[in-house]
N, C-alpha and C. Protein backbone atom coordinates (compact mmCIF):
# COMPACT_ATOMS: atom_id res chain seq x y z
N MET A 1 3.48 -9.84 7.72
CA MET A 1 2.49 -9.38 6.99
C MET A 1 2.77 -9.64 5.48
N SER A 2 1.87 -10.33 4.83
CA SER A 2 1.83 -10.51 3.53
C SER A 2 0.56 -10.03 2.65
N ASN A 3 0.88 -9.95 1.27
CA ASN A 3 -0.20 -9.48 0.58
C ASN A 3 -0.03 -10.01 -0.80
N ILE A 4 -1.09 -9.78 -1.56
CA ILE A 4 -1.14 -10.17 -3.02
C ILE A 4 -1.18 -9.02 -3.92
N LYS A 5 -0.31 -8.86 -4.70
CA LYS A 5 -0.20 -7.77 -5.71
C LYS A 5 -0.76 -8.34 -7.20
N LEU A 6 -1.19 -7.50 -7.82
CA LEU A 6 -1.70 -7.95 -9.21
C LEU A 6 -0.61 -7.27 -10.25
N PHE A 7 -0.38 -8.09 -11.26
CA PHE A 7 0.49 -7.63 -12.44
C PHE A 7 -0.27 -8.33 -13.66
N GLN A 8 -0.68 -7.49 -14.56
CA GLN A 8 -1.43 -7.99 -15.76
C GLN A 8 -2.45 -9.02 -15.39
N ASP A 9 -3.21 -8.77 -14.44
CA ASP A 9 -4.27 -9.53 -13.95
C ASP A 9 -3.70 -10.96 -13.42
N GLU A 10 -2.48 -11.13 -13.00
CA GLU A 10 -2.00 -12.23 -12.43
C GLU A 10 -1.66 -11.96 -10.92
N LYS A 11 -1.80 -12.94 -9.90
CA LYS A 11 -1.79 -12.77 -8.66
C LYS A 11 -0.16 -12.95 -8.34
N ILE A 12 0.58 -11.96 -7.82
CA ILE A 12 1.99 -12.12 -7.17
C ILE A 12 2.09 -12.08 -5.71
N ARG A 13 2.47 -13.10 -5.19
CA ARG A 13 2.54 -13.18 -3.73
C ARG A 13 3.74 -12.37 -3.25
N THR A 14 3.33 -11.63 -2.24
CA THR A 14 4.53 -10.76 -1.60
C THR A 14 4.55 -10.89 -0.09
N VAL A 15 5.64 -10.46 0.46
CA VAL A 15 5.78 -10.39 1.93
C VAL A 15 6.55 -9.12 2.29
N TRP A 16 6.12 -8.64 3.47
CA TRP A 16 6.62 -7.40 4.00
C TRP A 16 7.87 -7.62 4.79
N ASN A 17 9.09 -7.04 4.71
CA ASN A 17 10.31 -7.28 5.26
C ASN A 17 10.26 -6.21 6.26
N GLU A 18 10.03 -6.29 7.43
CA GLU A 18 10.02 -5.15 8.56
C GLU A 18 11.37 -4.75 8.84
N LYS A 19 12.32 -5.53 8.80
CA LYS A 19 13.82 -5.00 8.99
C LYS A 19 14.13 -4.02 7.97
N GLU A 20 13.91 -4.28 6.73
CA GLU A 20 14.28 -3.43 5.72
C GLU A 20 13.15 -2.45 5.20
N ARG A 21 11.90 -2.63 5.79
CA ARG A 21 10.79 -1.68 5.60
C ARG A 21 10.49 -1.86 4.00
N GLN A 22 10.40 -2.91 3.45
CA GLN A 22 10.05 -2.98 1.95
C GLN A 22 9.30 -4.25 1.70
N TRP A 23 8.61 -4.21 0.56
CA TRP A 23 7.89 -5.45 0.08
C TRP A 23 8.99 -6.13 -0.87
N TYR A 24 8.90 -7.49 -0.81
CA TYR A 24 9.40 -8.56 -1.56
C TYR A 24 8.42 -9.43 -2.08
N PHE A 25 8.85 -9.74 -3.47
CA PHE A 25 7.88 -10.61 -4.04
C PHE A 25 8.68 -12.01 -4.25
N SER A 26 7.60 -12.97 -4.53
CA SER A 26 7.98 -14.46 -5.04
C SER A 26 8.61 -14.33 -6.17
N VAL A 27 9.92 -14.77 -6.54
CA VAL A 27 10.71 -14.67 -7.71
C VAL A 27 10.06 -15.60 -8.61
N SER A 28 9.87 -16.90 -8.12
CA SER A 28 9.19 -17.92 -9.00
C SER A 28 7.86 -17.57 -9.49
N VAL A 29 7.11 -16.96 -8.75
CA VAL A 29 5.71 -16.47 -9.37
C VAL A 29 5.84 -15.36 -10.56
N VAL A 30 6.72 -14.57 -10.46
CA VAL A 30 7.01 -13.43 -11.25
C VAL A 30 7.55 -14.11 -12.47
N VAL A 31 8.49 -14.98 -12.31
CA VAL A 31 9.17 -15.70 -13.52
C VAL A 31 8.01 -16.59 -14.41
N GLY A 32 7.16 -17.09 -13.63
CA GLY A 32 6.03 -17.83 -14.00
C GLY A 32 5.10 -16.92 -14.80
N VAL A 33 4.81 -15.85 -14.40
CA VAL A 33 3.89 -14.90 -15.06
C VAL A 33 4.56 -14.37 -16.35
N LEU A 34 5.82 -13.98 -16.20
CA LEU A 34 6.56 -13.33 -17.48
C LEU A 34 6.89 -14.44 -18.49
N SER A 35 7.04 -15.63 -18.05
CA SER A 35 7.51 -16.61 -19.00
C SER A 35 6.38 -17.52 -19.32
N GLU A 36 5.16 -17.37 -18.66
CA GLU A 36 3.93 -18.14 -19.07
C GLU A 36 4.17 -19.58 -18.95
N SER A 37 5.21 -19.93 -17.97
CA SER A 37 5.60 -21.36 -17.64
C SER A 37 4.56 -22.15 -16.95
N LYS A 38 4.30 -23.45 -17.18
CA LYS A 38 3.45 -24.24 -16.48
C LYS A 38 4.11 -24.79 -15.25
N ALA A 39 5.32 -24.66 -15.23
CA ALA A 39 6.17 -25.10 -14.04
C ALA A 39 7.15 -24.02 -13.67
N PRO A 40 6.57 -22.90 -13.04
CA PRO A 40 7.63 -21.67 -12.83
C PRO A 40 8.61 -22.03 -11.79
N LYS A 41 8.48 -23.00 -10.91
CA LYS A 41 9.62 -23.17 -9.95
C LYS A 41 10.77 -23.96 -10.53
N ALA A 42 10.41 -24.82 -11.35
CA ALA A 42 11.41 -25.87 -12.31
C ALA A 42 12.06 -24.60 -13.18
N TYR A 43 11.28 -23.80 -13.85
CA TYR A 43 11.86 -22.74 -14.73
C TYR A 43 12.93 -21.98 -13.98
N TRP A 44 12.44 -21.47 -12.86
CA TRP A 44 13.57 -20.60 -11.99
C TRP A 44 14.70 -21.49 -11.69
N ARG A 45 14.48 -22.73 -11.11
CA ARG A 45 15.84 -23.38 -10.78
C ARG A 45 16.56 -23.49 -12.12
N GLN A 46 16.13 -23.94 -13.16
CA GLN A 46 16.98 -23.85 -14.29
C GLN A 46 17.65 -22.51 -14.74
N LEU A 47 16.92 -21.46 -14.62
CA LEU A 47 17.43 -20.24 -15.00
C LEU A 47 18.58 -19.78 -13.87
N LYS A 48 18.33 -20.17 -12.66
CA LYS A 48 19.54 -20.00 -11.72
C LYS A 48 20.69 -20.76 -11.83
N LYS A 49 20.55 -21.97 -12.59
CA LYS A 49 21.76 -22.77 -12.78
C LYS A 49 22.50 -22.06 -13.91
N ARG A 50 21.79 -21.58 -15.04
CA ARG A 50 22.27 -20.99 -16.14
C ARG A 50 22.86 -19.47 -15.81
N GLU A 51 22.35 -18.77 -15.08
CA GLU A 51 22.70 -17.40 -14.60
C GLU A 51 22.79 -17.37 -13.12
N PRO A 52 23.93 -17.84 -12.52
CA PRO A 52 24.13 -17.93 -10.96
C PRO A 52 24.12 -16.47 -10.37
N GLN A 53 24.40 -15.49 -11.23
CA GLN A 53 24.44 -14.08 -10.59
C GLN A 53 23.09 -13.63 -10.18
N LEU A 54 21.85 -14.28 -10.78
CA LEU A 54 20.69 -13.93 -10.22
C LEU A 54 20.32 -13.95 -8.83
N VAL A 55 21.06 -15.08 -8.27
CA VAL A 55 20.79 -15.48 -7.00
C VAL A 55 21.22 -14.31 -5.93
N THR A 56 22.28 -13.36 -6.38
CA THR A 56 22.63 -12.41 -5.42
C THR A 56 21.61 -11.32 -5.22
N VAL A 57 20.61 -11.34 -6.02
CA VAL A 57 19.56 -10.24 -5.71
C VAL A 57 18.45 -10.91 -4.88
N CYS A 58 18.57 -12.07 -4.45
CA CYS A 58 17.27 -12.82 -3.80
C CYS A 58 17.82 -13.05 -2.39
N HIS A 59 16.70 -13.06 -1.60
CA HIS A 59 16.54 -13.61 -0.22
C HIS A 59 15.65 -14.58 0.07
N GLY A 60 16.12 -15.59 0.77
CA GLY A 60 15.07 -16.61 1.29
C GLY A 60 14.36 -16.16 2.31
N LEU A 61 13.15 -15.98 2.02
CA LEU A 61 12.25 -15.30 3.04
C LEU A 61 11.16 -16.40 3.01
N LYS A 62 10.36 -16.32 4.21
CA LYS A 62 9.24 -17.20 4.34
C LYS A 62 8.01 -16.30 3.80
N ILE A 63 7.26 -16.95 2.93
CA ILE A 63 6.21 -16.43 2.23
C ILE A 63 4.88 -17.43 2.23
N LYS A 64 3.82 -16.80 2.29
CA LYS A 64 2.58 -17.85 2.16
C LYS A 64 2.47 -18.43 1.00
N ALA A 65 2.48 -19.97 0.84
CA ALA A 65 2.31 -20.48 -0.24
C ALA A 65 0.84 -20.77 -0.60
N LEU A 66 0.52 -21.34 -1.75
CA LEU A 66 -0.90 -21.50 -2.20
C LEU A 66 -1.57 -22.33 -1.16
N ASP A 67 -1.05 -23.27 -0.50
CA ASP A 67 -1.73 -24.10 0.47
C ASP A 67 -1.88 -23.32 1.73
N GLY A 68 -1.39 -22.01 2.00
CA GLY A 68 -1.59 -21.40 3.19
C GLY A 68 -0.63 -21.44 4.07
N LYS A 69 0.39 -22.37 3.96
CA LYS A 69 1.56 -22.45 4.90
C LYS A 69 2.66 -21.66 4.57
N MET A 70 3.45 -21.18 5.42
CA MET A 70 4.57 -20.28 5.17
C MET A 70 5.71 -21.25 4.93
N ARG A 71 6.36 -20.88 3.67
CA ARG A 71 7.43 -21.50 3.04
C ARG A 71 8.69 -20.70 2.81
N LYS A 72 9.76 -21.01 2.92
CA LYS A 72 10.99 -20.31 2.38
C LYS A 72 10.95 -20.34 0.97
N GLU A 73 11.13 -19.19 0.20
CA GLU A 73 11.48 -19.10 -1.15
C GLU A 73 12.34 -17.87 -1.54
N ASP A 74 12.74 -17.86 -2.73
CA ASP A 74 13.46 -16.76 -3.09
C ASP A 74 12.60 -15.61 -3.28
N CYS A 75 13.10 -14.64 -2.86
CA CYS A 75 12.27 -13.31 -2.80
C CYS A 75 13.13 -12.16 -3.34
N ALA A 76 12.55 -11.20 -3.95
CA ALA A 76 13.48 -10.06 -4.25
C ALA A 76 12.58 -8.79 -4.44
N THR A 77 13.33 -7.43 -4.33
CA THR A 77 12.53 -6.55 -4.49
C THR A 77 12.78 -6.09 -6.07
N SER A 78 11.72 -5.13 -6.42
CA SER A 78 11.98 -4.75 -7.84
C SER A 78 13.29 -3.94 -8.12
N LYS A 79 13.90 -3.40 -7.02
CA LYS A 79 15.22 -2.63 -7.07
C LYS A 79 16.42 -3.86 -7.54
N GLY A 80 16.34 -5.01 -7.05
CA GLY A 80 17.28 -5.81 -7.20
C GLY A 80 17.43 -6.21 -8.67
N PHE A 81 16.37 -6.10 -9.49
CA PHE A 81 16.39 -6.64 -10.84
C PHE A 81 16.68 -5.32 -11.78
N ARG A 82 16.95 -4.17 -11.43
CA ARG A 82 17.16 -2.97 -12.28
C ARG A 82 18.40 -3.17 -12.94
């Protein structure tokens, strides 16, 4: 199950993790919204290189991409970044 959430009028792609029974969001999409980056995936890659501890709160989950295909991306819950 996937769904779109809105944050400041921006669409955030999410996916439901049945095993953990919680929503996960695409980290690169959130980074793009918060940074206003034109290339959010590249921005996220650079951020992970500079701050490798960020990866510990992410899970590689399949989430629906903009082209409609399911692709593996870094996803996290809001609890992971508190």
